Amino acid sequence: RLSTIIRTANLSTQRQTEIAQKSGPPINGVIRDVRTIADRPYATISVGTADGVQRGMEFKILDRQGGNFLGTLVVESVEPNEATGRLAGPNLAQIRPGVEARTQL
């Protein structure tokens, strides 16, 4: 399943390694809220400093049911039990509360 996600995301081996190094330890959460701020898409995820989340960490956003890569979230602010960051990626319209956010695929 994970190799399918990687293939559909068209990530080279070098890019996968770069992302893994940038991502840090494996942390899994879910999207709680999606909103637009100053014409840019943002989301809040269900993990925070209590889970090891730090500003600048990158989460991959995945559709649990279909296993599709939807985009990334780069953390800009962190609280004990949630974090908020800017969204980017190929399927932003599909990012909604309940989809998975993971530091590693």
PDB file of N, CA and C in Angstrom:
ATOM      1  N   ARG A   1       0.823  -1.196   0.000  1.00  0.00           N
ATOM      2  CA  ARG A   1       0.000   0.000   0.000  1.00  0.00           C
ATOM      3  C   ARG A   1       0.865   1.256   0.000  1.00  0.00           C
ATOM      4  N   LEU A   2       1.921   1.257   0.830  1.00  0.00           N
ATOM      5  CA  LEU A   2       2.783   2.433   0.898  1.00  0.00           C
ATOM      6  C   LEU A   2       3.531   2.671  -0.402  1.00  0.00           C
ATOM      7  N   SER A   3       3.993   1.606  -1.052  1.00  0.00           N
ATOM      8  CA  SER A   3       4.694   1.796  -2.323  1.00  0.00           C
ATOM      9  C   SER A   3       3.762   2.362  -3.378  1.00  0.00           C
ATOM     10  N   THR A   4       2.481   2.011  -3.326  1.00  0.00           N
ATOM     11  CA  THR A   4       1.500   2.580  -4.253  1.00  0.00           C
ATOM     12  C   THR A   4       1.356   4.074  -4.006  1.00  0.00           C
ATOM     13  N   ILE A   5       1.293   4.463  -2.749  1.00  0.00           N
ATOM     14  CA  ILE A   5       1.194   5.886  -2.406  1.00  0.00           C
ATOM     15  C   ILE A   5       2.413   6.636  -2.934  1.00  0.00           C
ATOM     16  N   ILE A   6       3.583   6.084  -2.728  1.00  0.00           N
ATOM     17  CA  ILE A   6       4.816   6.731  -3.182  1.00  0.00           C
ATOM     18  C   ILE A   6       4.835   6.847  -4.701  1.00  0.00           C
ATOM     19  N   ARG A   7       4.441   5.779  -5.396  1.00  0.00           N
ATOM     20  CA  ARG A   7       4.409   5.819  -6.869  1.00  0.00           C
ATOM     21  C   ARG A   7       3.439   6.873  -7.371  1.00  0.00           C
ATOM     22  N   THR A   8       2.234   6.926  -6.794  1.00  0.00           N
ATOM     23  CA  THR A   8       1.241   7.889  -7.268  1.00  0.00           C
ATOM     24  C   THR A   8       1.641   9.319  -6.927  1.00  0.00           C
ATOM     25  N   ALA A   9       2.476   9.510  -5.928  1.00  0.00           N
ATOM     26  CA  ALA A   9       2.962  10.847  -5.583  1.00  0.00           C
ATOM     27  C   ALA A   9       4.138  11.251  -6.469  1.00  0.00           C
ATOM     28  N   ASN A  10       4.659  10.309  -7.270  1.00  0.00           N
ATOM     29  CA  ASN A  10       5.778  10.561  -8.183  1.00  0.00           C
ATOM     30  C   ASN A  10       7.005  11.128  -7.462  1.00  0.00           C
ATOM     31  N   LEU A  11       7.344  10.554  -6.312  1.00  0.00           N
ATOM     32  CA  LEU A  11       8.498  10.995  -5.553  1.00  0.00           C
ATOM     33  C   LEU A  11       9.719  10.159  -5.927  1.00  0.00           C
ATOM     34  N   SER A  12      10.810  10.829  -6.280  1.00  0.00           N
ATOM     35  CA  SER A  12      12.050  10.115  -6.565  1.00  0.00           C
ATOM     36  C   SER A  12      12.607   9.563  -5.254  1.00  0.00           C
ATOM     37  N   THR A  13      13.536   8.625  -5.361  1.00  0.00           N
ATOM     38  CA  THR A  13      14.162   8.050  -4.164  1.00  0.00           C
ATOM     39  C   THR A  13      14.865   9.138  -3.370  1.00  0.00           C
ATOM     40  N   GLN A  14      15.534  10.050  -4.061  1.00  0.00           N
ATOM     41  CA  GLN A  14      16.216  11.150  -3.377  1.00  0.00           C
ATOM     42  C   GLN A  14      15.213  12.024  -2.636  1.00  0.00           C
ATOM     43  N   ARG A  15      14.091  12.343  -3.275  1.00  0.00           N
ATOM     44  CA  ARG A  15      13.069  13.190  -2.638  1.00  0.00           C
ATOM     45  C   ARG A  15      12.457  12.479  -1.428  1.00  0.00           C
ATOM     46  N   GLN A  16      12.246  11.168  -1.530  1.00  0.00           N
ATOM     47  CA  GLN A  16      11.708  10.401  -0.411  1.00  0.00           C
ATOM     48  C   GLN A  16      12.650  10.495   0.788  1.00  0.00           C
ATOM     49  N   THR A  17      13.958  10.379   0.541  1.00  0.00           N
ATOM     50  CA  THR A  17      14.956  10.460   1.603  1.00  0.00           C
ATOM     51  C   THR A  17      14.952  11.849   2.229  1.00  0.00           C
ATOM     52  N   GLU A  18      14.891  12.895   1.388  1.00  0.00           N
ATOM     53  CA  GLU A  18      14.854  14.263   1.895  1.00  0.00           C
ATOM     54  C   GLU A  18      13.641  14.473   2.787  1.00  0.00           C
ATOM     55  N   ILE A  19      12.492  13.988   2.355  1.00  0.00           N
ATOM     56  CA  ILE A  19      11.264  14.141   3.133  1.00  0.00           C
ATOM     57  C   ILE A  19      11.366  13.401   4.456  1.00  0.00           C
ATOM     58  N   ALA A  20      11.893  12.181   4.427  1.00  0.00           N
ATOM     59  CA  ALA A  20      12.026  11.390   5.657  1.00  0.00           C
ATOM     60  C   ALA A  20      12.930  12.095   6.660  1.00  0.00           C
ATOM     61  N   GLN A  21      14.033  12.691   6.183  1.00  0.00           N
ATOM     62  CA  GLN A  21      14.948  13.392   7.079  1.00  0.00           C
ATOM     63  C   GLN A  21      14.301  14.641   7.653  1.00  0.00           C
ATOM     64  N   LYS A  22      13.510  15.340   6.864  1.00  0.00           N
ATOM     65  CA  LYS A  22      12.844  16.566   7.284  1.00  0.00           C
ATOM     66  C   LYS A  22      11.687  16.267   8.238  1.00  0.00           C
ATOM     67  N   SER A  23      11.086  15.099   8.095  1.00  0.00           N
ATOM     68  CA  SER A  23       9.878  14.765   8.823  1.00  0.00           C
ATOM     69  C   SER A  23      10.107  14.426  10.285  1.00  0.00           C
ATOM     70  N   GLY A  24      11.256  13.893  10.629  1.00  0.00           N
ATOM     71  CA  GLY A  24      11.498  13.520  12.007  1.00  0.00           C
ATOM     72  C   GLY A  24      10.873  12.177  12.354  1.00  0.00           C
ATOM     73  N   PRO A  25      10.542  11.981  13.631  1.00  0.00           N
ATOM     74  CA  PRO A  25      10.014  10.686  14.073  1.00  0.00           C
ATOM     75  C   PRO A  25       8.611  10.432  13.514  1.00  0.00           C
ATOM     76  N   PRO A  26       8.207   9.163  13.458  1.00  0.00           N
ATOM     77  CA  PRO A  26       6.858   8.871  12.957  1.00  0.00           C
ATOM     78  C   PRO A  26       5.786   9.358  13.929  1.00  0.00           C
ATOM     79  N   ILE A  27       4.956  10.279  13.456  1.00  0.00           N
ATOM     80  CA  ILE A  27       3.845  10.820  14.245  1.00  0.00           C
ATOM     81  C   ILE A  27       2.609  10.771  13.350  1.00  0.00           C
ATOM     82  N   ASN A  28       1.517  10.229  13.876  1.00  0.00           N
ATOM     83  CA  ASN A  28       0.278  10.112  13.111  1.00  0.00           C
ATOM     84  C   ASN A  28      -0.841  10.878  13.796  1.00  0.00           C
ATOM     85  N   GLY A  29      -1.618  11.595  12.998  1.00  0.00           N
ATOM     86  CA  GLY A  29      -2.771  12.323  13.501  1.00  0.00           C
ATOM     87  C   GLY A  29      -3.830  12.407  12.417  1.00  0.00           C
ATOM     88  N   VAL A  30      -4.829  13.224  12.653  1.00  0.00           N
ATOM     89  CA  VAL A  30      -5.874  13.440  11.657  1.00  0.00           C
ATOM     90  C   VAL A  30      -6.137  14.941  11.533  1.00  0.00           C
ATOM     91  N   ILE A  31      -6.669  15.314  10.382  1.00  0.00           N
ATOM     92  CA  ILE A  31      -7.062  16.698  10.154  1.00  0.00           C
ATOM     93  C   ILE A  31      -8.307  16.991  10.994  1.00  0.00           C
ATOM     94  N   ARG A  32      -8.266  18.067  11.758  1.00  0.00           N
ATOM     95  CA  ARG A  32      -9.423  18.486  12.565  1.00  0.00           C
ATOM     96  C   ARG A  32     -10.223  19.581  11.872  1.00  0.00           C
ATOM     97  N   ASP A  33      -9.510  20.476  11.181  1.00  0.00           N
ATOM     98  CA  ASP A  33     -10.170  21.633  10.584  1.00  0.00           C
ATOM     99  C   ASP A  33      -9.358  22.102   9.383  1.00  0.00           C
ATOM    100  N   VAL A  34     -10.051  22.597   8.364  1.00  0.00           N
ATOM    101  CA  VAL A  34      -9.408  23.169   7.180  1.00  0.00           C
ATOM    102  C   VAL A  34     -10.010  24.548   6.966  1.00  0.00           C
ATOM    103  N   ARG A  35      -9.151  25.528   6.705  1.00  0.00           N
ATOM    104  CA  ARG A  35      -9.660  26.885   6.462  1.00  0.00           C
ATOM    105  C   ARG A  35      -8.671  27.654   5.584  1.00  0.00           C
ATOM    106  N   THR A  36      -9.153  28.745   5.028  1.00  0.00           N
ATOM    107  CA  THR A  36      -8.332  29.622   4.199  1.00  0.00           C
ATOM    108  C   THR A  36      -8.035  30.884   4.995  1.00  0.00           C
ATOM    109  N   ILE A  37      -6.746  31.234   5.065  1.00  0.00           N
ATOM    110  CA  ILE A  37      -6.308  32.432   5.756  1.00  0.00           C
ATOM    111  C   ILE A  37      -5.461  33.229   4.762  1.00  0.00           C
ATOM    112  N   ALA A  38      -5.863  34.456   4.496  1.00  0.00           N
ATOM    113  CA  ALA A  38      -5.155  35.319   3.542  1.00  0.00           C
ATOM    114  C   ALA A  38      -4.970  34.605   2.200  1.00  0.00           C
ATOM    115  N   ASP A  39      -6.035  33.972   1.725  1.00  0.00           N
ATOM    116  CA  ASP A  39      -6.054  33.259   0.441  1.00  0.00           C
ATOM    117  C   ASP A  39      -5.104  32.055   0.377  1.00  0.00           C
ATOM    118  N   ARG A  40      -4.711  31.523   1.523  1.00  0.00           N
ATOM    119  CA  ARG A  40      -3.840  30.335   1.557  1.00  0.00           C
ATOM    120  C   ARG A  40      -4.515  29.261   2.392  1.00  0.00           C
ATOM    121  N   PRO A  41      -4.403  27.998   1.951  1.00  0.00           N
ATOM    122  CA  PRO A  41      -5.057  26.914   2.687  1.00  0.00           C
ATOM    123  C   PRO A  41      -4.248  26.479   3.922  1.00  0.00           C
ATOM    124  N   TYR A  42      -4.945  26.352   5.046  1.00  0.00           N
ATOM    125  CA  TYR A  42      -4.353  25.898   6.298  1.00  0.00           C
ATOM    126  C   TYR A  42      -5.209  24.781   6.884  1.00  0.00           C
ATOM    127  N   ALA A  43      -4.587  23.981   7.745  1.00  0.00           N
ATOM    128  CA  ALA A  43      -5.323  22.936   8.446  1.00  0.00           C
ATOM    129  C   ALA A  43      -4.773  22.801   9.855  1.00  0.00           C
ATOM    130  N   THR A  44      -5.636  22.305  10.737  1.00  0.00           N
ATOM    131  CA  THR A  44      -5.248  21.979  12.104  1.00  0.00           C
ATOM    132  C   THR A  44      -5.257  20.468  12.224  1.00  0.00           C
ATOM    133  N   ILE A  45      -4.216  19.913  12.846  1.00  0.00           N
ATOM    134  CA  ILE A  45      -4.119  18.462  13.024  1.00  0.00           C
ATOM    135  C   ILE A  45      -4.214  18.115  14.507  1.00  0.00           C
ATOM    136  N   SER A  46      -4.500  16.849  14.784  1.00  0.00           N
ATOM    137  CA  SER A  46      -4.821  16.387  16.137  1.00  0.00           C
ATOM    138  C   SER A  46      -3.618  16.025  17.004  1.00  0.00           C
ATOM    139  N   VAL A  47      -2.432  16.439  16.630  1.00  0.00           N
ATOM    140  CA  VAL A  47      -1.229  16.154  17.418  1.00  0.00           C
ATOM    141  C   VAL A  47      -0.468  17.457  17.647  1.00  0.00           C
ATOM    142  N   GLY A  48       0.263  17.515  18.765  1.00  0.00           N
ATOM    143  CA  GLY A  48       0.984  18.737  19.101  1.00  0.00           C
ATOM    144  C   GLY A  48       2.281  18.446  19.835  1.00  0.00           C
ATOM    145  N   THR A  49       2.727  19.405  20.646  1.00  0.00           N
ATOM    146  CA  THR A  49       4.008  19.260  21.330  1.00  0.00           C
ATOM    147  C   THR A  49       4.043  18.028  22.245  1.00  0.00           C
ATOM    148  N   ALA A  50       2.910  17.655  22.802  1.00  0.00           N
ATOM    149  CA  ALA A  50       2.858  16.462  23.661  1.00  0.00           C
ATOM    150  C   ALA A  50       3.196  15.193  22.871  1.00  0.00           C
ATOM    151  N   ASP A  51       3.057  15.253  21.543  1.00  0.00           N
ATOM    152  CA  ASP A  51       3.350  14.110  20.676  1.00  0.00           C
ATOM    153  C   ASP A  51       4.707  14.247  19.990  1.00  0.00           C
ATOM    154  N   GLY A  52       5.414  15.336  20.252  1.00  0.00           N
ATOM    155  CA  GLY A  52       6.717  15.555  19.636  1.00  0.00           C
ATOM    156  C   GLY A  52       6.693  16.438  18.399  1.00  0.00           C
ATOM    157  N   VAL A  53       5.566  17.066  18.110  1.00  0.00           N
ATOM    158  CA  VAL A  53       5.469  17.935  16.948  1.00  0.00           C
ATOM    159  C   VAL A  53       6.216  19.240  17.213  1.00  0.00           C
ATOM    160  N   GLN A  54       6.953  19.687  16.190  1.00  0.00           N
ATOM    161  CA  GLN A  54       7.699  20.936  16.280  1.00  0.00           C
ATOM    162  C   GLN A  54       7.400  21.798  15.057  1.00  0.00           C
ATOM    163  N   ARG A  55       7.576  23.080  15.223  1.00  0.00           N
ATOM    164  CA  ARG A  55       7.401  24.015  14.107  1.00  0.00           C
ATOM    165  C   ARG A  55       8.352  23.620  12.975  1.00  0.00           C
ATOM    166  N   GLY A  56       7.847  23.644  11.741  1.00  0.00           N
ATOM    167  CA  GLY A  56       8.655  23.306  10.577  1.00  0.00           C
ATOM    168  C   GLY A  56       8.524  21.854  10.132  1.00  0.00           C
ATOM    169  N   MET A  57       7.954  20.988  10.965  1.00  0.00           N
ATOM    170  CA  MET A  57       7.770  19.583  10.588  1.00  0.00           C
ATOM    171  C   MET A  57       6.804  19.480   9.414  1.00  0.00           C
ATOM    172  N   GLU A  58       7.024  18.478   8.581  1.00  0.00           N
ATOM    173  CA  GLU A  58       6.165  18.253   7.426  1.00  0.00           C
ATOM    174  C   GLU A  58       5.365  16.969   7.600  1.00  0.00           C
ATOM    175  N   PHE A  59       4.066  17.070   7.426  1.00  0.00           N
ATOM    176  CA  PHE A  59       3.171  15.922   7.484  1.00  0.00           C
ATOM    177  C   PHE A  59       2.637  15.639   6.085  1.00  0.00           C
ATOM    178  N   LYS A  60       2.545  14.369   5.739  1.00  0.00           N
ATOM    179  CA  LYS A  60       1.908  13.956   4.497  1.00  0.00           C
ATOM    180  C   LYS A  60       0.442  13.711   4.798  1.00  0.00           C
ATOM    181  N   ILE A  61      -0.434  14.217   3.930  1.00  0.00           N
ATOM    182  CA  ILE A  61      -1.871  14.081   4.124  1.00  0.00           C
ATOM    183  C   ILE A  61      -2.374  12.985   3.192  1.00  0.00           C
ATOM    184  N   LEU A  62      -3.039  11.965   3.783  1.00  0.00           N
ATOM    185  CA  LEU A  62      -3.488  10.789   3.034  1.00  0.00           C
ATOM    186  C   LEU A  62      -4.966  10.525   3.263  1.00  0.00           C
ATOM    187  N   ASP A  63      -5.630  10.088   2.231  1.00  0.00           N
ATOM    188  CA  ASP A  63      -7.012   9.641   2.340  1.00  0.00           C
ATOM    189  C   ASP A  63      -6.972   8.207   2.858  1.00  0.00           C
ATOM    190  N   ARG A  64      -7.452   7.972   4.065  1.00  0.00           N
ATOM    191  CA  ARG A  64      -7.387   6.634   4.685  1.00  0.00           C
ATOM    192  C   ARG A  64      -8.084   5.572   3.851  1.00  0.00           C
ATOM    193  N   GLN A  65      -9.248   5.891   3.335  1.00  0.00           N
ATOM    194  CA  GLN A  65     -10.042   4.883   2.621  1.00  0.00           C
ATOM    195  C   GLN A  65      -9.425   4.522   1.283  1.00  0.00           C
ATOM    196  N   GLY A  66      -9.032   5.523   0.507  1.00  0.00           N
ATOM    197  CA  GLY A  66      -8.471   5.251  -0.809  1.00  0.00           C
ATOM    198  C   GLY A  66      -6.970   5.096  -0.808  1.00  0.00           C
ATOM    199  N   GLY A  67      -6.318   5.533   0.266  1.00  0.00           N
ATOM    200  CA  GLY A  67      -4.866   5.454   0.335  1.00  0.00           C
ATOM    201  C   GLY A  67      -4.180   6.453  -0.571  1.00  0.00           C
ATOM    202  N   ASN A  68      -4.886   7.507  -0.999  1.00  0.00           N
ATOM    203  CA  ASN A  68      -4.321   8.485  -1.927  1.00  0.00           C
ATOM    204  C   ASN A  68      -3.561   9.589  -1.198  1.00  0.00           C
ATOM    205  N   PHE A  69      -2.448   9.997  -1.807  1.00  0.00           N
ATOM    206  CA  PHE A  69      -1.672  11.139  -1.315  1.00  0.00           C
ATOM    207  C   PHE A  69      -2.413  12.406  -1.715  1.00  0.00           C
ATOM    208  N   LEU A  70      -2.741  13.257  -0.725  1.00  0.00           N
ATOM    209  CA  LEU A  70      -3.510  14.467  -1.008  1.00  0.00           C
ATOM    210  C   LEU A  70      -2.654  15.731  -0.982  1.00  0.00           C
ATOM    211  N   GLY A  71      -1.605  15.729  -0.185  1.00  0.00           N
ATOM    212  CA  GLY A  71      -0.755  16.911  -0.090  1.00  0.00           C
ATOM    213  C   GLY A  71       0.107  16.874   1.154  1.00  0.00           C
ATOM    214  N   THR A  72       0.648  18.032   1.514  1.00  0.00           N
ATOM    215  CA  THR A  72       1.502  18.144   2.690  1.00  0.00           C
ATOM    216  C   THR A  72       1.031  19.297   3.567  1.00  0.00           C
ATOM    217  N   LEU A  73       1.399  19.219   4.835  1.00  0.00           N
ATOM    218  CA  LEU A  73       1.146  20.281   5.792  1.00  0.00           C
ATOM    219  C   LEU A  73       2.483  20.580   6.467  1.00  0.00           C
ATOM    220  N   VAL A  74       2.913  21.836   6.421  1.00  0.00           N
ATOM    221  CA  VAL A  74       4.124  22.255   7.123  1.00  0.00           C
ATOM    222  C   VAL A  74       3.676  23.048   8.340  1.00  0.00           C
ATOM    223  N   VAL A  75       4.063  22.566   9.515  1.00  0.00           N
ATOM    224  CA  VAL A  75       3.609  23.133  10.788  1.00  0.00           C
ATOM    225  C   VAL A  75       4.170  24.536  10.986  1.00  0.00           C
ATOM    226  N   GLU A  76       3.252  25.469  11.289  1.00  0.00           N
ATOM    227  CA  GLU A  76       3.651  26.847  11.570  1.00  0.00           C
ATOM    228  C   GLU A  76       3.434  27.229  13.029  1.00  0.00           C
ATOM    229  N   SER A  77       2.443  26.621  13.683  1.00  0.00           N
ATOM    230  CA  SER A  77       2.238  26.878  15.109  1.00  0.00           C
ATOM    231  C   SER A  77       1.831  25.581  15.793  1.00  0.00           C
ATOM    232  N   VAL A  78       2.294  25.434  17.036  1.00  0.00           N
ATOM    233  CA  VAL A  78       2.066  24.190  17.774  1.00  0.00           C
ATOM    234  C   VAL A  78       1.583  24.496  19.178  1.00  0.00           C
ATOM    235  N   GLU A  79       0.601  23.724  19.613  1.00  0.00           N
ATOM    236  CA  GLU A  79       0.112  23.763  20.985  1.00  0.00           C
ATOM    237  C   GLU A  79       0.260  22.352  21.542  1.00  0.00           C
ATOM    238  N   PRO A  80      -0.026  22.136  22.820  1.00  0.00           N
ATOM    239  CA  PRO A  80       0.178  20.803  23.397  1.00  0.00           C
ATOM    240  C   PRO A  80      -0.546  19.666  22.659  1.00  0.00           C
ATOM    241  N   ASN A  81      -1.786  19.906  22.212  1.00  0.00           N
ATOM    242  CA  ASN A  81      -2.551  18.810  21.617  1.00  0.00           C
ATOM    243  C   ASN A  81      -3.007  19.049  20.190  1.00  0.00           C
ATOM    244  N   GLU A  82      -2.465  20.064  19.531  1.00  0.00           N
ATOM    245  CA  GLU A  82      -2.785  20.296  18.127  1.00  0.00           C
ATOM    246  C   GLU A  82      -1.741  21.201  17.499  1.00  0.00           C
ATOM    247  N   ALA A  83      -1.715  21.170  16.178  1.00  0.00           N
ATOM    248  CA  ALA A  83      -0.783  22.014  15.428  1.00  0.00           C
ATOM    249  C   ALA A  83      -1.502  22.522  14.186  1.00  0.00           C
ATOM    250  N   THR A  84      -1.067  23.684  13.710  1.00  0.00           N
ATOM    251  CA  THR A  84      -1.653  24.278  12.516  1.00  0.00           C
ATOM    252  C   THR A  84      -0.538  24.568  11.524  1.00  0.00           C
ATOM    253  N   GLY A  85      -0.841  24.323  10.240  1.00  0.00           N
ATOM    254  CA  GLY A  85       0.162  24.575   9.225  1.00  0.00           C
ATOM    255  C   GLY A  85      -0.435  24.821   7.865  1.00  0.00           C
ATOM    256  N   ARG A  86       0.430  25.242   6.962  1.00  0.00           N
ATOM    257  CA  ARG A  86       0.027  25.551   5.595  1.00  0.00           C
ATOM    258  C   ARG A  86      -0.019  24.279   4.756  1.00  0.00           C
ATOM    259  N   LEU A  87      -1.056  24.175   3.940  1.00  0.00           N
ATOM    260  CA  LEU A  87      -1.242  23.032   3.057  1.00  0.00           C
ATOM    261  C   LEU A  87      -0.685  23.316   1.668  1.00  0.00           C
ATOM    262  N   ALA A  88      -0.181  22.265   1.027  1.00  0.00           N
ATOM    263  CA  ALA A  88       0.256  22.332  -0.370  1.00  0.00           C
ATOM    264  C   ALA A  88       0.068  20.947  -0.964  1.00  0.00           C
ATOM    265  N   GLY A  89      -0.098  20.882  -2.262  1.00  0.00           N
ATOM    266  CA  GLY A  89      -0.173  19.568  -2.881  1.00  0.00           C
ATOM    267  C   GLY A  89      -1.180  19.460  -3.993  1.00  0.00           C
ATOM    268  N   PRO A  90      -1.246  18.258  -4.566  1.00  0.00           N
ATOM    269  CA  PRO A  90      -2.045  18.044  -5.769  1.00  0.00           C
ATOM    270  C   PRO A  90      -3.552  17.918  -5.554  1.00  0.00           C
ATOM    271  N   ASN A  91      -3.996  17.596  -4.347  1.00  0.00           N
ATOM    272  CA  ASN A  91      -5.419  17.324  -4.116  1.00  0.00           C
ATOM    273  C   ASN A  91      -5.961  18.075  -2.910  1.00  0.00           C
ATOM    274  N   LEU A  92      -5.711  19.377  -2.852  1.00  0.00           N
ATOM    275  CA  LEU A  92      -6.119  20.182  -1.700  1.00  0.00           C
ATOM    276  C   LEU A  92      -7.623  20.159  -1.468  1.00  0.00           C
ATOM    277  N   ALA A  93      -8.400  20.089  -2.535  1.00  0.00           N
ATOM    278  CA  ALA A  93      -9.862  20.097  -2.398  1.00  0.00           C
ATOM    279  C   ALA A  93     -10.375  18.865  -1.658  1.00  0.00           C
ATOM    280  N   GLN A  94      -9.575  17.796  -1.611  1.00  0.00           N
ATOM    281  CA  GLN A  94      -9.989  16.570  -0.944  1.00  0.00           C
ATOM    282  C   GLN A  94      -9.557  16.515   0.523  1.00  0.00           C
ATOM    283  N   ILE A  95      -8.793  17.492   0.966  1.00  0.00           N
ATOM    284  CA  ILE A  95      -8.357  17.519   2.365  1.00  0.00           C
ATOM    285  C   ILE A  95      -9.490  18.087   3.206  1.00  0.00           C
ATOM    286  N   ARG A  96      -9.947  17.261   4.154  1.00  0.00           N
ATOM    287  CA  ARG A  96     -11.083  17.620   4.997  1.00  0.00           C
ATOM    288  C   ARG A  96     -10.895  16.963   6.368  1.00  0.00           C
ATOM    289  N   PRO A  97     -11.673  17.376   7.366  1.00  0.00           N
ATOM    290  CA  PRO A  97     -11.552  16.736   8.682  1.00  0.00           C
ATOM    291  C   PRO A  97     -11.696  15.217   8.575  1.00  0.00           C
ATOM    292  N   GLY A  98     -10.812  14.527   9.294  1.00  0.00           N
ATOM    293  CA  GLY A  98     -10.852  13.070   9.321  1.00  0.00           C
ATOM    294  C   GLY A  98      -9.800  12.393   8.464  1.00  0.00           C
ATOM    295  N   VAL A  99      -9.186  13.107   7.496  1.00  0.00           N
ATOM    296  CA  VAL A  99      -8.149  12.457   6.712  1.00  0.00           C
ATOM    297  C   VAL A  99      -6.865  12.400   7.517  1.00  0.00           C
ATOM    298  N   GLU A 100      -5.995  11.474   7.172  1.00  0.00           N
ATOM    299  CA  GLU A 100      -4.812  11.156   7.953  1.00  0.00           C
ATOM    300  C   GLU A 100      -3.655  12.122   7.677  1.00  0.00           C
ATOM    301  N   ALA A 101      -2.908  12.468   8.728  1.00  0.00           N
ATOM    302  CA  ALA A 101      -1.702  13.284   8.636  1.00  0.00           C
ATOM    303  C   ALA A 101      -0.568  12.492   9.276  1.00  0.00           C
ATOM    304  N   ARG A 102       0.491  12.226   8.496  1.00  0.00           N
ATOM    305  CA  ARG A 102       1.609  11.396   8.988  1.00  0.00           C
ATOM    306  C   ARG A 102       2.930  12.048   8.632  1.00  0.00           C
ATOM    307  N   THR A 103       3.893  11.927   9.541  1.00  0.00           N
ATOM    308  CA  THR A 103       5.217  12.459   9.236  1.00  0.00           C
ATOM    309  C   THR A 103       5.963  11.536   8.283  1.00  0.00           C
ATOM    310  N   GLN A 104       5.628  10.260   8.291  1.00  0.00           N
ATOM    311  CA  GLN A 104       6.288   9.308   7.404  1.00  0.00           C
ATOM    312  C   GLN A 104       5.258   8.443   6.708  1.00  0.00           C
ATOM    313  N   LEU A 105       5.547   8.115   5.450  1.00  0.00           N
ATOM    314  CA  LEU A 105       4.605   7.287   4.689  1.00  0.00           C
ATOM    315  C   LEU A 105       4.662   5.854   5.097  1.00  0.00           C
TER     316      LEU A 105
END
